[in-house]
Protein backbone atom coordinates (compact mmCIF):
# COMPACT_ATOMS: atom_id res chain seq x y z
CA UNK A 1 0.00 0.00 0.00
CA UNK A 2 1.13 3.51 -0.76
CA UNK A 3 0.16 6.79 0.89
CA UNK A 4 0.38 9.82 -1.40
CA UNK A 5 0.69 13.34 -0.01
CA UNK A 6 0.29 15.99 -2.70
CA UNK A 7 1.00 19.66 -2.12
CA UNK A 8 -1.39 21.60 -4.37
CA UNK A 9 -1.58 25.30 -5.10
CA UNK A 10 -4.85 26.93 -6.10
CA UNK A 11 -7.49 25.26 -3.92
CA UNK A 12 -9.64 28.03 -2.42
CA UNK A 13 -12.73 26.33 -1.00
CA UNK A 14 -14.52 23.07 -0.24
CA UNK A 15 -15.66 22.80 -3.88
CA UNK A 16 -11.99 22.84 -4.94
CA UNK A 17 -11.33 20.04 -2.46
CA UNK A 18 -14.22 18.02 -3.88
CA UNK A 19 -12.97 18.58 -7.43
CA UNK A 20 -9.48 17.29 -6.58
CA UNK A 21 -10.96 14.33 -4.67
CA UNK A 22 -13.05 13.36 -7.71
CA UNK A 23 -10.01 13.51 -10.00
CA UNK A 24 -8.00 11.27 -7.67
CA UNK A 25 -10.81 8.74 -7.22
CA UNK A 26 -11.47 8.46 -10.95
CA UNK A 27 -7.91 8.51 -12.26
CA UNK A 28 -6.18 6.42 -9.60
CA UNK A 29 -8.93 4.55 -7.75
CA UNK A 30 -7.64 6.23 -4.61
CA UNK A 31 -8.97 5.23 -1.21
CA UNK A 32 -9.37 7.50 1.83
CA UNK A 33 -9.05 10.55 -0.41
CA UNK A 34 -8.89 13.77 1.57
CA UNK A 35 -8.09 17.35 0.56
CA UNK A 36 -7.65 20.57 2.51
CA UNK A 37 -7.64 23.98 0.87
CA UNK A 38 -6.41 25.49 4.14
CA UNK A 39 -3.34 23.22 4.21
CA UNK A 40 -2.97 23.10 0.39
CA UNK A 41 -2.67 19.33 0.50
CA UNK A 42 -4.45 16.21 -0.75
CA UNK A 43 -3.82 12.68 0.46
CA UNK A 44 -4.91 9.26 -0.70
CA UNK A 45 -4.01 5.61 -0.40
CA UNK A 46 -3.49 3.23 -3.31
CA UNK A 47 -2.61 -0.44 -3.43
CA UNK A 48 -0.58 0.26 -6.57
CA UNK A 49 2.50 2.41 -7.08
CA UNK A 50 1.64 5.40 -9.28
CA UNK A 51 4.12 7.46 -11.26
CA UNK A 52 4.37 10.95 -9.73
CA UNK A 53 4.38 12.59 -13.15
CA UNK A 54 1.01 10.97 -13.92
CA UNK A 55 -0.47 12.28 -10.67
CA UNK A 56 0.88 15.76 -11.42
CA UNK A 57 -0.44 15.68 -14.98
CA UNK A 58 -3.97 14.59 -14.01
CA UNK A 59 -4.31 17.22 -11.29
CA UNK A 60 -2.79 20.04 -13.33
CA UNK A 61 -5.26 19.35 -16.18
CA UNK A 62 -7.89 20.79 -13.82
CA UNK A 63 -6.05 24.10 -13.41
CA UNK A 64 -4.38 23.51 -10.04
CA UNK A 65 -0.62 23.38 -9.58
CA UNK A 66 1.20 20.47 -7.94
CA UNK A 67 4.23 21.67 -5.96
CA UNK A 68 5.38 18.36 -4.44
CA UNK A 69 4.38 14.72 -4.10
CA UNK A 70 5.52 12.55 -1.20
CA UNK A 71 5.04 8.79 -1.32
CA UNK A 72 5.09 6.65 1.83
CA UNK A 73 5.00 2.86 1.79
CA UNK A 74 2.53 1.69 4.41
């Protein structure tokens, strides 16, 4: 299992959080997806390793900017 922590610039409200959560769930089948516009971070768990550039690309297609991605093996 992998825990992804994504630092995202541009989230301003709870609708932004929901938008990012939907992208993660659809593109990566993420579990326990959670976003915070106050902390500028989204997290999710995946059973599969996902290329960071793919995560960045999918999120940035929506107009937000990914500043960093941290992957933890859990």
